[in-house]
Amino acid sequence: MGMVVKAKCTCGLDKDMLVGAVRATFKKRAAFPARCARCRDLVGVNVLADPPMCGTCGSAQVTPLAEPMPEGASEVASGNIPEKRSWLGKVTRAARTLTLHDRAYLCPRCDKADLRFSALRAVD
C-alpha cells in the first residue's frame, strides 16, 4: 500500500506525491520523492528502477530524499524496497525501507531547509 503526501516549501513548491506502491504494480514500481539535479525540482522516482530516473527530464541525477530519522521526528510515510537477486542468486540490491519524516528537508528549488511533508491519504 502507498501513501499520498503533500510536499510544501516557503518558496511556493506545492506537490502531492506518491510514496510506496499500489497493489497493481508493487513488484515493478515503488515511488519516492527525490531531488533532480538537472530539473532543480522535487520529482517522484521509481526506486526499483536501476538506475532511478527523473520522470520529467529522464536524468539519472536524482537523489531520493531518504535521510535518517532525526531525533524527535515522526514518520510521515515510508516505502519498502525488496531485495533483488541476480539469476545466479547473488543479492544485487539489499532490502530496505525509505522513510519521510515531519522535519524540514533541503528544497531542490530554493536550496533552503524549508521543505516539509505531510500525509494526505493511503492508496491501494
PDB file of N, CA and C in Angstrom:
ATOM      1  N   MET A   1       0.839  -1.169   0.000  1.00  0.00           N
ATOM      2  CA  MET A   1       0.000   0.000   0.000  1.00  0.00           C
ATOM      3  C   MET A   1       0.889   1.237   0.000  1.00  0.00           C
ATOM      4  N   GLY A   2       0.461   2.281  -0.693  1.00  0.00           N
ATOM      5  CA  GLY A   2       1.197   3.523  -0.770  1.00  0.00           C
ATOM      6  C   GLY A   2       0.513   4.621   0.022  1.00  0.00           C
ATOM      7  N   MET A   3       1.171   5.758   0.070  1.00  0.00           N
ATOM      8  CA  MET A   3       0.646   6.917   0.781  1.00  0.00           C
ATOM      9  C   MET A   3       0.865   8.137  -0.103  1.00  0.00           C
ATOM     10  N   VAL A   4      -0.168   8.954  -0.256  1.00  0.00           N
ATOM     11  CA  VAL A   4      -0.028  10.229  -0.951  1.00  0.00           C
ATOM     12  C   VAL A   4       0.352  11.255   0.113  1.00  0.00           C
ATOM     13  N   VAL A   5       1.434  11.993  -0.172  1.00  0.00           N
ATOM     14  CA  VAL A   5       1.912  13.010   0.756  1.00  0.00           C
ATOM     15  C   VAL A   5       1.875  14.374   0.079  1.00  0.00           C
ATOM     16  N   LYS A   6       1.808  15.404   0.888  1.00  0.00           N
ATOM     17  CA  LYS A   6       1.862  16.791   0.424  1.00  0.00           C
ATOM     18  C   LYS A   6       3.266  17.306   0.712  1.00  0.00           C
ATOM     19  N   ALA A   7       3.931  17.837  -0.327  1.00  0.00           N
ATOM     20  CA  ALA A   7       5.242  18.466  -0.189  1.00  0.00           C
ATOM     21  C   ALA A   7       5.041  19.967  -0.346  1.00  0.00           C
ATOM     22  N   LYS A   8       5.479  20.749   0.652  1.00  0.00           N
ATOM     23  CA  LYS A   8       5.319  22.204   0.599  1.00  0.00           C
ATOM     24  C   LYS A   8       6.588  22.876   1.082  1.00  0.00           C
ATOM     25  N   CYS A   9       6.912  23.981   0.403  1.00  0.00           N
ATOM     26  CA  CYS A   9       8.061  24.803   0.797  1.00  0.00           C
ATOM     27  C   CYS A   9       7.628  26.263   0.789  1.00  0.00           C
ATOM     28  N   THR A  10       8.319  27.075   1.549  1.00  0.00           N
ATOM     29  CA  THR A  10       8.002  28.503   1.601  1.00  0.00           C
ATOM     30  C   THR A  10       8.267  29.205   0.272  1.00  0.00           C
ATOM     31  N   CYS A  11       9.040  28.575  -0.632  1.00  0.00           N
ATOM     32  CA  CYS A  11       9.331  29.183  -1.942  1.00  0.00           C
ATOM     33  C   CYS A  11       8.163  29.031  -2.920  1.00  0.00           C
ATOM     34  N   GLY A  12       7.141  28.271  -2.542  1.00  0.00           N
ATOM     35  CA  GLY A  12       5.987  28.082  -3.411  1.00  0.00           C
ATOM     36  C   GLY A  12       5.834  26.661  -3.931  1.00  0.00           C
ATOM     37  N   LEU A  13       6.830  25.818  -3.754  1.00  0.00           N
ATOM     38  CA  LEU A  13       6.709  24.420  -4.172  1.00  0.00           C
ATOM     39  C   LEU A  13       5.543  23.799  -3.405  1.00  0.00           C
ATOM     40  N   ASP A  14       4.637  23.172  -4.129  1.00  0.00           N
ATOM     41  CA  ASP A  14       3.448  22.565  -3.529  1.00  0.00           C
ATOM     42  C   ASP A  14       3.029  21.406  -4.420  1.00  0.00           C
ATOM     43  N   LYS A  15       3.304  20.175  -3.983  1.00  0.00           N
ATOM     44  CA  LYS A  15       3.006  18.992  -4.796  1.00  0.00           C
ATOM     45  C   LYS A  15       2.430  17.880  -3.952  1.00  0.00           C
ATOM     46  N   ASP A  16       1.538  17.098  -4.562  1.00  0.00           N
ATOM     47  CA  ASP A  16       1.082  15.844  -3.979  1.00  0.00           C
ATOM     48  C   ASP A  16       1.892  14.741  -4.649  1.00  0.00           C
ATOM     49  N   MET A  17       2.440  13.819  -3.841  1.00  0.00           N
ATOM     50  CA  MET A  17       3.318  12.780  -4.373  1.00  0.00           C
ATOM     51  C   MET A  17       2.981  11.431  -3.746  1.00  0.00           C
ATOM     52  N   LEU A  18       3.233  10.370  -4.501  1.00  0.00           N
ATOM     53  CA  LEU A  18       3.051   9.009  -4.005  1.00  0.00           C
ATOM     54  C   LEU A  18       4.341   8.524  -3.364  1.00  0.00           C
ATOM     55  N   VAL A  19       4.196   7.864  -2.217  1.00  0.00           N
ATOM     56  CA  VAL A  19       5.308   7.177  -1.565  1.00  0.00           C
ATOM     57  C   VAL A  19       4.914   5.722  -1.468  1.00  0.00           C
ATOM     58  N   GLY A  20       5.783   4.836  -1.964  1.00  0.00           N
ATOM     59  CA  GLY A  20       5.488   3.406  -1.923  1.00  0.00           C
ATOM     60  C   GLY A  20       4.886   2.930  -3.227  1.00  0.00           C
ATOM     61  N   ALA A  21       4.028   1.936  -3.111  1.00  0.00           N
ATOM     62  CA  ALA A  21       3.493   1.281  -4.308  1.00  0.00           C
ATOM     63  C   ALA A  21       1.994   1.055  -4.173  1.00  0.00           C
ATOM     64  N   VAL A  22       1.386   0.778  -5.308  1.00  0.00           N
ATOM     65  CA  VAL A  22      -0.010   0.361  -5.329  1.00  0.00           C
ATOM     66  C   VAL A  22      -0.049  -1.124  -5.671  1.00  0.00           C
ATOM     67  N   ARG A  23      -1.116  -1.774  -5.313  1.00  0.00           N
ATOM     68  CA  ARG A  23      -1.229  -3.225  -5.456  1.00  0.00           C
ATOM     69  C   ARG A  23      -0.951  -3.719  -6.877  1.00  0.00           C
ATOM     70  N   ALA A  24      -1.409  -3.002  -7.869  1.00  0.00           N
ATOM     71  CA  ALA A  24      -1.290  -3.456  -9.257  1.00  0.00           C
ATOM     72  C   ALA A  24       0.155  -3.491  -9.766  1.00  0.00           C
ATOM     73  N   THR A  25       1.047  -2.665  -9.202  1.00  0.00           N
ATOM     74  CA  THR A  25       2.407  -2.562  -9.753  1.00  0.00           C
ATOM     75  C   THR A  25       3.503  -2.681  -8.699  1.00  0.00           C
ATOM     76  N   PHE A  26       3.203  -3.193  -7.515  1.00  0.00           N
ATOM     77  CA  PHE A  26       4.163  -3.137  -6.417  1.00  0.00           C
ATOM     78  C   PHE A  26       5.468  -3.892  -6.671  1.00  0.00           C
ATOM     79  N   LYS A  27       5.486  -4.849  -7.593  1.00  0.00           N
ATOM     80  CA  LYS A  27       6.728  -5.577  -7.870  1.00  0.00           C
ATOM     81  C   LYS A  27       7.642  -4.840  -8.846  1.00  0.00           C
ATOM     82  N   LYS A  28       7.094  -3.836  -9.549  1.00  0.00           N
ATOM     83  CA  LYS A  28       7.876  -3.125 -10.561  1.00  0.00           C
ATOM     84  C   LYS A  28       8.052  -1.642 -10.275  1.00  0.00           C
ATOM     85  N   ARG A  29       7.173  -1.047  -9.462  1.00  0.00           N
ATOM     86  CA  ARG A  29       7.235   0.390  -9.209  1.00  0.00           C
ATOM     87  C   ARG A  29       7.065   0.673  -7.719  1.00  0.00           C
ATOM     88  N   ALA A  30       7.978   1.462  -7.198  1.00  0.00           N
ATOM     89  CA  ALA A  30       7.882   1.974  -5.828  1.00  0.00           C
ATOM     90  C   ALA A  30       8.319   3.433  -5.882  1.00  0.00           C
ATOM     91  N   ALA A  31       7.383   4.321  -5.698  1.00  0.00           N
ATOM     92  CA  ALA A  31       7.651   5.752  -5.841  1.00  0.00           C
ATOM     93  C   ALA A  31       8.209   6.346  -4.554  1.00  0.00           C
ATOM     94  N   PHE A  32       9.077   7.342  -4.735  1.00  0.00           N
ATOM     95  CA  PHE A  32       9.616   8.066  -3.596  1.00  0.00           C
ATOM     96  C   PHE A  32      10.070   9.445  -4.071  1.00  0.00           C
ATOM     97  N   PRO A  33       9.860  10.494  -3.270  1.00  0.00           N
ATOM     98  CA  PRO A  33      10.303  11.830  -3.667  1.00  0.00           C
ATOM     99  C   PRO A  33      11.829  11.904  -3.763  1.00  0.00           C
ATOM    100  N   ALA A  34      12.297  12.665  -4.748  1.00  0.00           N
ATOM    101  CA  ALA A  34      13.735  12.820  -4.969  1.00  0.00           C
ATOM    102  C   ALA A  34      14.028  14.212  -5.500  1.00  0.00           C
ATOM    103  N   ARG A  35      15.273  14.632  -5.302  1.00  0.00           N
ATOM    104  CA  ARG A  35      15.751  15.870  -5.914  1.00  0.00           C
ATOM    105  C   ARG A  35      16.324  15.530  -7.278  1.00  0.00           C
ATOM    106  N   CYS A  36      15.960  16.295  -8.308  1.00  0.00           N
ATOM    107  CA  CYS A  36      16.570  16.130  -9.628  1.00  0.00           C
ATOM    108  C   CYS A  36      17.556  17.271  -9.818  1.00  0.00           C
ATOM    109  N   ALA A  37      18.830  16.925 -10.027  1.00  0.00           N
ATOM    110  CA  ALA A  37      19.869  17.939 -10.200  1.00  0.00           C
ATOM    111  C   ALA A  37      19.676  18.714 -11.499  1.00  0.00           C
ATOM    112  N   ARG A  38      19.188  18.056 -12.540  1.00  0.00           N
ATOM    113  CA  ARG A  38      19.002  18.732 -13.830  1.00  0.00           C
ATOM    114  C   ARG A  38      17.788  19.654 -13.794  1.00  0.00           C
ATOM    115  N   CYS A  39      16.648  19.181 -13.315  1.00  0.00           N
ATOM    116  CA  CYS A  39      15.414  19.991 -13.256  1.00  0.00           C
ATOM    117  C   CYS A  39      15.423  21.015 -12.116  1.00  0.00           C
ATOM    118  N   ARG A  40      16.225  20.742 -11.080  1.00  0.00           N
ATOM    119  CA  ARG A  40      16.177  21.517  -9.832  1.00  0.00           C
ATOM    120  C   ARG A  40      14.753  21.536  -9.300  1.00  0.00           C
ATOM    121  N   ASP A  41      14.176  20.343  -9.232  1.00  0.00           N
ATOM    122  CA  ASP A  41      12.797  20.200  -8.794  1.00  0.00           C
ATOM    123  C   ASP A  41      12.657  18.945  -7.941  1.00  0.00           C
ATOM    124  N   LEU A  42      11.549  18.868  -7.246  1.00  0.00           N
ATOM    125  CA  LEU A  42      11.182  17.680  -6.486  1.00  0.00           C
ATOM    126  C   LEU A  42      10.374  16.790  -7.416  1.00  0.00           C
ATOM    127  N   VAL A  43      10.836  15.575  -7.620  1.00  0.00           N
ATOM    128  CA  VAL A  43      10.194  14.658  -8.555  1.00  0.00           C
ATOM    129  C   VAL A  43       9.952  13.321  -7.874  1.00  0.00           C
ATOM    130  N   GLY A  44       8.998  12.561  -8.401  1.00  0.00           N
ATOM    131  CA  GLY A  44       8.787  11.194  -7.938  1.00  0.00           C
ATOM    132  C   GLY A  44       9.594  10.251  -8.808  1.00  0.00           C
ATOM    133  N   VAL A  45      10.363   9.369  -8.182  1.00  0.00           N
ATOM    134  CA  VAL A  45      11.150   8.402  -8.946  1.00  0.00           C
ATOM    135  C   VAL A  45      10.755   6.989  -8.546  1.00  0.00           C
ATOM    136  N   ASN A  46      10.972   6.067  -9.465  1.00  0.00           N
ATOM    137  CA  ASN A  46      10.763   4.654  -9.185  1.00  0.00           C
ATOM    138  C   ASN A  46      12.071   4.117  -8.609  1.00  0.00           C
ATOM    139  N   VAL A  47      12.107   3.892  -7.300  1.00  0.00           N
ATOM    140  CA  VAL A  47      13.339   3.454  -6.653  1.00  0.00           C
ATOM    141  C   VAL A  47      13.664   1.986  -6.941  1.00  0.00           C
ATOM    142  N   LEU A  48      12.767   1.261  -7.618  1.00  0.00           N
ATOM    143  CA  LEU A  48      13.075  -0.105  -8.031  1.00  0.00           C
ATOM    144  C   LEU A  48      13.794  -0.136  -9.374  1.00  0.00           C
ATOM    145  N   ALA A  49      13.785   0.985 -10.096  1.00  0.00           N
ATOM    146  CA  ALA A  49      14.478   1.065 -11.385  1.00  0.00           C
ATOM    147  C   ALA A  49      15.980   1.113 -11.137  1.00  0.00           C
ATOM    148  N   ASP A  50      16.728   0.666 -12.127  1.00  0.00           N
ATOM    149  CA  ASP A  50      18.181   0.649 -11.996  1.00  0.00           C
ATOM    150  C   ASP A  50      18.809   1.312 -13.211  1.00  0.00           C
ATOM    151  N   PRO A  51      19.134   2.594 -13.142  1.00  0.00           N
ATOM    152  CA  PRO A  51      19.061   3.495 -12.003  1.00  0.00           C
ATOM    153  C   PRO A  51      17.704   4.201 -11.955  1.00  0.00           C
ATOM    154  N   PRO A  52      17.341   4.754 -10.781  1.00  0.00           N
ATOM    155  CA  PRO A  52      16.139   5.593 -10.732  1.00  0.00           C
ATOM    156  C   PRO A  52      16.340   6.803 -11.632  1.00  0.00           C
ATOM    157  N   MET A  53      15.271   7.226 -12.317  1.00  0.00           N
ATOM    158  CA  MET A  53      15.387   8.352 -13.246  1.00  0.00           C
ATOM    159  C   MET A  53      14.256   9.350 -13.022  1.00  0.00           C
ATOM    160  N   CYS A  54      14.533  10.602 -13.349  1.00  0.00           N
ATOM    161  CA  CYS A  54      13.545  11.666 -13.259  1.00  0.00           C
ATOM    162  C   CYS A  54      12.451  11.426 -14.296  1.00  0.00           C
ATOM    163  N   GLY A  55      11.212  11.485 -13.869  1.00  0.00           N
ATOM    164  CA  GLY A  55      10.095  11.308 -14.781  1.00  0.00           C
ATOM    165  C   GLY A  55       9.847  12.514 -15.668  1.00  0.00           C
ATOM    166  N   THR A  56      10.451  13.658 -15.347  1.00  0.00           N
ATOM    167  CA  THR A  56      10.274  14.872 -16.124  1.00  0.00           C
ATOM    168  C   THR A  56      11.311  14.996 -17.234  1.00  0.00           C
ATOM    169  N   CYS A  57      12.600  14.881 -16.876  1.00  0.00           N
ATOM    170  CA  CYS A  57      13.657  15.114 -17.871  1.00  0.00           C
ATOM    171  C   CYS A  57      14.423  13.844 -18.258  1.00  0.00           C
ATOM    172  N   GLY A  58      14.201  12.740 -17.549  1.00  0.00           N
ATOM    173  CA  GLY A  58      14.880  11.487 -17.869  1.00  0.00           C
ATOM    174  C   GLY A  58      16.282  11.362 -17.295  1.00  0.00           C
ATOM    175  N   SER A  59      16.707  12.319 -16.493  1.00  0.00           N
ATOM    176  CA  SER A  59      18.043  12.306 -15.911  1.00  0.00           C
ATOM    177  C   SER A  59      18.167  11.244 -14.824  1.00  0.00           C
ATOM    178  N   ALA A  60      19.347  10.657 -14.726  1.00  0.00           N
ATOM    179  CA  ALA A  60      19.648   9.731 -13.631  1.00  0.00           C
ATOM    180  C   ALA A  60      20.299  10.478 -12.467  1.00  0.00           C
ATOM    181  N   GLN A  61      20.384  11.808 -12.555  1.00  0.00           N
ATOM    182  CA  GLN A  61      20.965  12.629 -11.487  1.00  0.00           C
ATOM    183  C   GLN A  61      19.907  12.951 -10.443  1.00  0.00           C
ATOM    184  N   VAL A  62      19.332  11.900  -9.876  1.00  0.00           N
ATOM    185  CA  VAL A  62      18.284  12.066  -8.869  1.00  0.00           C
ATOM    186  C   VAL A  62      18.781  11.507  -7.536  1.00  0.00           C
ATOM    187  N   THR A  63      18.356  12.151  -6.470  1.00  0.00           N
ATOM    188  CA  THR A  63      18.720  11.723  -5.128  1.00  0.00           C
ATOM    189  C   THR A  63      17.443  11.572  -4.310  1.00  0.00           C
ATOM    190  N   PRO A  64      17.024  10.335  -4.031  1.00  0.00           N
ATOM    191  CA  PRO A  64      15.836  10.156  -3.180  1.00  0.00           C
ATOM    192  C   PRO A  64      16.047  10.822  -1.825  1.00  0.00           C
ATOM    193  N   LEU A  65      14.994  11.381  -1.272  1.00  0.00           N
ATOM    194  CA  LEU A  65      15.069  12.096  -0.001  1.00  0.00           C
ATOM    195  C   LEU A  65      15.053  11.119   1.181  1.00  0.00           C
ATOM    196  N   ALA A  66      15.824  10.085   1.090  1.00  0.00           N
ATOM    197  CA  ALA A  66      15.915   9.086   2.146  1.00  0.00           C
ATOM    198  C   ALA A  66      17.004   9.519   3.112  1.00  0.00           C
ATOM    199  N   GLU A  67      16.610  10.127   4.205  1.00  0.00           N
ATOM    200  CA  GLU A  67      17.541  10.601   5.214  1.00  0.00           C
ATOM    201  C   GLU A  67      17.260   9.866   6.516  1.00  0.00           C
ATOM    202  N   PRO A  68      18.265   9.747   7.377  1.00  0.00           N
ATOM    203  CA  PRO A  68      18.000   9.143   8.687  1.00  0.00           C
ATOM    204  C   PRO A  68      16.952   9.959   9.435  1.00  0.00           C
ATOM    205  N   MET A  69      16.157   9.288  10.237  1.00  0.00           N
ATOM    206  CA  MET A  69      15.118   9.957  11.017  1.00  0.00           C
ATOM    207  C   MET A  69      15.776  10.785  12.127  1.00  0.00           C
ATOM    208  N   PRO A  70      15.575  12.122  12.118  1.00  0.00           N
ATOM    209  CA  PRO A  70      16.149  12.947  13.186  1.00  0.00           C
ATOM    210  C   PRO A  70      15.523  12.607  14.537  1.00  0.00           C
ATOM    211  N   GLU A  71      16.267  12.845  15.584  1.00  0.00           N
ATOM    212  CA  GLU A  71      15.753  12.592  16.926  1.00  0.00           C
ATOM    213  C   GLU A  71      14.509  13.432  17.168  1.00  0.00           C
ATOM    214  N   GLY A  72      13.478  12.823  17.665  1.00  0.00           N
ATOM    215  CA  GLY A  72      12.233  13.512  17.959  1.00  0.00           C
ATOM    216  C   GLY A  72      11.296  13.661  16.776  1.00  0.00           C
ATOM    217  N   ALA A  73      11.710  13.228  15.591  1.00  0.00           N
ATOM    218  CA  ALA A  73      10.860  13.337  14.396  1.00  0.00           C
ATOM    219  C   ALA A  73       9.842  12.219  14.362  1.00  0.00           C
ATOM    220  N   SER A  74       8.787  12.435  13.596  1.00  0.00           N
ATOM    221  CA  SER A  74       7.749  11.424  13.402  1.00  0.00           C
ATOM    222  C   SER A  74       7.713  11.018  11.931  1.00  0.00           C
ATOM    223  N   GLU A  75       7.366   9.761  11.696  1.00  0.00           N
ATOM    224  CA  GLU A  75       7.257   9.271  10.320  1.00  0.00           C
ATOM    225  C   GLU A  75       6.009   9.826   9.656  1.00  0.00           C
ATOM    226  N   VAL A  76       6.167  10.302   8.404  1.00  0.00           N
ATOM    227  CA  VAL A  76       5.037  10.763   7.602  1.00  0.00           C
ATOM    228  C   VAL A  76       4.598   9.633   6.681  1.00  0.00           C
ATOM    229  N   ALA A  77       5.557   8.991   6.026  1.00  0.00           N
ATOM    230  CA  ALA A  77       5.261   7.888   5.107  1.00  0.00           C
ATOM    231  C   ALA A  77       6.541   7.090   4.878  1.00  0.00           C
ATOM    232  N   SER A  78       6.384   5.828   4.488  1.00  0.00           N
ATOM    233  CA  SER A  78       7.555   5.014   4.174  1.00  0.00           C
ATOM    234  C   SER A  78       7.211   4.046   3.053  1.00  0.00           C
ATOM    235  N   GLY A  79       8.250   3.578   2.397  1.00  0.00           N
ATOM    236  CA  GLY A  79       8.086   2.607   1.320  1.00  0.00           C
ATOM    237  C   GLY A  79       9.154   1.538   1.434  1.00  0.00           C
ATOM    238  N   ASN A  80       8.791   0.286   1.226  1.00  0.00           N
ATOM    239  CA  ASN A  80       9.732  -0.817   1.316  1.00  0.00           C
ATOM    240  C   ASN A  80      10.314  -1.138  -0.050  1.00  0.00           C
ATOM    241  N   ILE A  81      11.619  -1.355  -0.085  1.00  0.00           N
ATOM    242  CA  ILE A  81      12.300  -1.784  -1.299  1.00  0.00           C
ATOM    243  C   ILE A  81      12.724  -3.231  -1.064  1.00  0.00           C
ATOM    244  N   PRO A  82      12.187  -4.166  -1.839  1.00  0.00           N
ATOM    245  CA  PRO A  82      12.530  -5.569  -1.618  1.00  0.00           C
ATOM    246  C   PRO A  82      13.944  -5.897  -2.093  1.00  0.00           C
ATOM    247  N   GLU A  83      14.469  -6.978  -1.566  1.00  0.00           N
ATOM    248  CA  GLU A  83      15.761  -7.488  -2.011  1.00  0.00           C
ATOM    249  C   GLU A  83      15.667  -7.898  -3.473  1.00  0.00           C
ATOM    250  N   LYS A  84      16.739  -7.689  -4.218  1.00  0.00           N
ATOM    251  CA  LYS A  84      16.784  -8.105  -5.620  1.00  0.00           C
ATOM    252  C   LYS A  84      17.979  -9.034  -5.800  1.00  0.00           C
ATOM    253  N   ARG A  85      17.766 -10.138  -6.518  1.00  0.00           N
ATOM    254  CA  ARG A  85      18.834 -11.102  -6.753  1.00  0.00           C
ATOM    255  C   ARG A  85      19.057 -11.284  -8.247  1.00  0.00           C
ATOM    256  N   SER A  86      20.306 -11.564  -8.602  1.00  0.00           N
ATOM    257  CA  SER A  86      20.626 -11.865  -9.995  1.00  0.00           C
ATOM    258  C   SER A  86      20.170 -13.282 -10.306  1.00  0.00           C
ATOM    259  N   TRP A  87      20.253 -13.683 -11.552  1.00  0.00           N
ATOM    260  CA  TRP A  87      19.846 -15.034 -11.928  1.00  0.00           C
ATOM    261  C   TRP A  87      20.755 -16.090 -11.303  1.00  0.00           C
ATOM    262  N   LEU A  88      21.933 -15.677 -10.805  1.00  0.00           N
ATOM    263  CA  LEU A  88      22.830 -16.599 -10.110  1.00  0.00           C
ATOM    264  C   LEU A  88      22.533 -16.673  -8.611  1.00  0.00           C
ATOM    265  N   GLY A  89      21.575 -15.872  -8.161  1.00  0.00           N
ATOM    266  CA  GLY A  89      21.194 -15.879  -6.758  1.00  0.00           C
ATOM    267  C   GLY A  89      21.930 -14.865  -5.911  1.00  0.00           C
ATOM    268  N   LYS A  90      22.869 -14.104  -6.510  1.00  0.00           N
ATOM    269  CA  LYS A  90      23.614 -13.096  -5.773  1.00  0.00           C
ATOM    270  C   LYS A  90      22.710 -11.895  -5.485  1.00  0.00           C
ATOM    271  N   VAL A  91      22.762 -11.378  -4.252  1.00  0.00           N
ATOM    272  CA  VAL A  91      21.973 -10.202  -3.894  1.00  0.00           C
ATOM    273  C   VAL A  91      22.584  -8.982  -4.593  1.00  0.00           C
ATOM    274  N   THR A  92      21.784  -8.330  -5.440  1.00  0.00           N
ATOM    275  CA  THR A  92      22.256  -7.144  -6.161  1.00  0.00           C
ATOM    276  C   THR A  92      21.673  -5.856  -5.580  1.00  0.00           C
ATOM    277  N   ARG A  93      20.665  -5.983  -4.731  1.00  0.00           N
ATOM    278  CA  ARG A  93      20.109  -4.831  -4.014  1.00  0.00           C
ATOM    279  C   ARG A  93      19.564  -5.341  -2.691  1.00  0.00           C
ATOM    280  N   ALA A  94      20.025  -4.758  -1.611  1.00  0.00           N
ATOM    281  CA  ALA A  94      19.569  -5.170  -0.288  1.00  0.00           C
ATOM    282  C   ALA A  94      18.177  -4.604  -0.011  1.00  0.00           C
ATOM    283  N   ALA A  95      17.401  -5.326   0.756  1.00  0.00           N
ATOM    284  CA  ALA A  95      16.088  -4.840   1.177  1.00  0.00           C
ATOM    285  C   ALA A  95      16.285  -3.670   2.141  1.00  0.00           C
ATOM    286  N   ARG A  96      15.421  -2.663   2.020  1.00  0.00           N
ATOM    287  CA  ARG A  96      15.475  -1.538   2.954  1.00  0.00           C
ATOM    288  C   ARG A  96      14.162  -0.785   2.931  1.00  0.00           C
ATOM    289  N   THR A  97      14.001   0.105   3.870  1.00  0.00           N
ATOM    290  CA  THR A  97      12.813   0.941   3.953  1.00  0.00           C
ATOM    291  C   THR A  97      13.236   2.397   3.824  1.00  0.00           C
ATOM    292  N   LEU A  98      12.568   3.124   2.930  1.00  0.00           N
ATOM    293  CA  LEU A  98      12.792   4.561   2.778  1.00  0.00           C
ATOM    294  C   LEU A  98      11.695   5.287   3.542  1.00  0.00           C
ATOM    295  N   THR A  99      12.070   6.246   4.354  1.00  0.00           N
ATOM    296  CA  THR A  99      11.110   6.916   5.227  1.00  0.00           C
ATOM    297  C   THR A  99      11.184   8.432   5.065  1.00  0.00           C
ATOM    298  N   LEU A 100      10.012   9.064   5.004  1.00  0.00           N
ATOM    299  CA  LEU A 100       9.911  10.528   5.065  1.00  0.00           C
ATOM    300  C   LEU A 100       9.527  10.903   6.491  1.00  0.00           C
ATOM    301  N   HIS A 101      10.141  11.955   7.019  1.00  0.00           N
ATOM    302  CA  HIS A 101       9.813  12.414   8.367  1.00  0.00           C
ATOM    303  C   HIS A 101       9.167  13.794   8.316  1.00  0.00           C
ATOM    304  N   ASP A 102       8.724  14.265   9.471  1.00  0.00           N
ATOM    305  CA  ASP A 102       7.991  15.531   9.533  1.00  0.00           C
ATOM    306  C   ASP A 102       8.884  16.751   9.755  1.00  0.00           C
ATOM    307  N   ARG A 103      10.184  16.581   9.694  1.00  0.00           N
ATOM    308  CA  ARG A 103      11.107  17.705   9.843  1.00  0.00           C
ATOM    309  C   ARG A 103      11.453  18.280   8.475  1.00  0.00           C
ATOM    310  N   ALA A 104      12.125  19.422   8.444  1.00  0.00           N
ATOM    311  CA  ALA A 104      12.432  20.118   7.193  1.00  0.00           C
ATOM    312  C   ALA A 104      13.524  19.414   6.397  1.00  0.00           C
ATOM    313  N   TYR A 105      13.338  19.410   5.079  1.00  0.00           N
ATOM    314  CA  TYR A 105      14.317  18.904   4.116  1.00  0.00           C
ATOM    315  C   TYR A 105      14.846  20.079   3.309  1.00  0.00           C
ATOM    316  N   LEU A 106      15.973  19.880   2.645  1.00  0.00           N
ATOM    317  CA  LEU A 106      16.532  20.883   1.747  1.00  0.00           C
ATOM    318  C   LEU A 106      15.698  20.890   0.462  1.00  0.00           C
ATOM    319  N   CYS A 107      15.150  22.037   0.110  1.00  0.00           N
ATOM    320  CA  CYS A 107      14.313  22.166  -1.082  1.00  0.00           C
ATOM    321  C   CYS A 107      15.202  22.240  -2.327  1.00  0.00           C
ATOM    322  N   PRO A 108      14.894  21.451  -3.374  1.00  0.00           N
ATOM    323  CA  PRO A 108      15.702  21.485  -4.587  1.00  0.00           C
ATOM    324  C   PRO A 108      15.508  22.766  -5.404  1.00  0.00           C
ATOM    325  N   ARG A 109      14.424  23.488  -5.185  1.00  0.00           N
ATOM    326  CA  ARG A 109      14.178  24.732  -5.934  1.00  0.00           C
ATOM    327  C   ARG A 109      14.899  25.931  -5.338  1.00  0.00           C
ATOM    328  N   CYS A 110      14.788  26.104  -4.016  1.00  0.00           N
ATOM    329  CA  CYS A 110      15.334  27.316  -3.387  1.00  0.00           C
ATOM    330  C   CYS A 110      16.581  27.052  -2.547  1.00  0.00           C
ATOM    331  N   ASP A 111      16.951  25.793  -2.366  1.00  0.00           N
ATOM    332  CA  ASP A 111      18.120  25.398  -1.572  1.00  0.00           C
ATOM    333  C   ASP A 111      18.033  25.821  -0.111  1.00  0.00           C
ATOM    334  N   LYS A 112      16.823  25.983   0.409  1.00  0.00           N
ATOM    335  CA  LYS A 112      16.633  26.277   1.834  1.00  0.00           C
ATOM    336  C   LYS A 112      16.027  25.057   2.508  1.00  0.00           C
ATOM    337  N   ALA A 113      16.289  24.899   3.779  1.00  0.00           N
ATOM    338  CA  ALA A 113      15.743  23.770   4.541  1.00  0.00           C
ATOM    339  C   ALA A 113      14.332  24.127   5.018  1.00  0.00           C
ATOM    340  N   ASP A 114      13.430  24.318   4.048  1.00  0.00           N
ATOM    341  CA  ASP A 114      12.046  24.690   4.345  1.00  0.00           C
ATOM    342  C   ASP A 114      11.028  23.723   3.742  1.00  0.00           C
ATOM    343  N   LEU A 115      11.478  22.643   3.139  1.00  0.00           N
ATOM    344  CA  LEU A 115      10.583  21.674   2.514  1.00  0.00           C
ATOM    345  C   LEU A 115      10.062  20.705   3.568  1.00  0.00           C
ATOM    346  N   ARG A 116       8.744  20.572   3.638  1.00  0.00           N
ATOM    347  CA  ARG A 116       8.122  19.681   4.623  1.00  0.00           C
ATOM    348  C   ARG A 116       7.095  18.787   3.945  1.00  0.00           C
ATOM    349  N   PHE A 117       6.903  17.626   4.536  1.00  0.00           N
ATOM    350  CA  PHE A 117       5.937  16.649   4.032  1.00  0.00           C
ATOM    351  C   PHE A 117       4.875  16.377   5.082  1.00  0.00           C
ATOM    352  N   SER A 118       3.651  16.140   4.610  1.00  0.00           N
ATOM    353  CA  SER A 118       2.565  15.705   5.483  1.00  0.00           C
ATOM    354  C   SER A 118       1.759  14.642   4.757  1.00  0.00           C
ATOM    355  N   ALA A 119       1.218  13.703   5.518  1.00  0.00           N
ATOM    356  CA  ALA A 119       0.443  12.603   4.937  1.00  0.00           C
ATOM    357  C   ALA A 119      -0.940  13.106   4.545  1.00  0.00           C
ATOM    358  N   LEU A 120      -1.421  12.684   3.355  1.00  0.00           N
ATOM    359  CA  LEU A 120      -2.761  13.049   2.895  1.00  0.00           C
ATOM    360  C   LEU A 120      -3.720  11.867   2.989  1.00  0.00           C
ATOM    361  N   ARG A 121      -3.341  10.749   2.304  1.00  0.00           N
ATOM    362  CA  ARG A 121      -4.242   9.587   2.298  1.00  0.00           C
ATOM    363  C   ARG A 121      -3.499   8.341   1.841  1.00  0.00           C
ATOM    364  N   ALA A 122      -3.983   7.206   2.277  1.00  0.00           N
ATOM    365  CA  ALA A 122      -3.435   5.929   1.855  1.00  0.00           C
ATOM    366  C   ALA A 122      -4.069   5.548   0.517  1.00  0.00           C
ATOM    367  N   VAL A 123      -3.302   4.860  -0.322  1.00  0.00           N
ATOM    368  CA  VAL A 123      -3.810   4.355  -1.606  1.00  0.00           C
ATOM    369  C   VAL A 123      -3.481   2.883  -1.702  1.00  0.00           C
ATOM    370  N   ASP A 124      -4.327   2.173  -2.410  1.00  0.00           N
ATOM    371  CA  ASP A 124      -4.154   0.721  -2.531  1.00  0.00           C
ATOM    372  C   ASP A 124      -3.763   0.357  -3.889  1.00  0.00           C
TER     373      ASP A 124
END
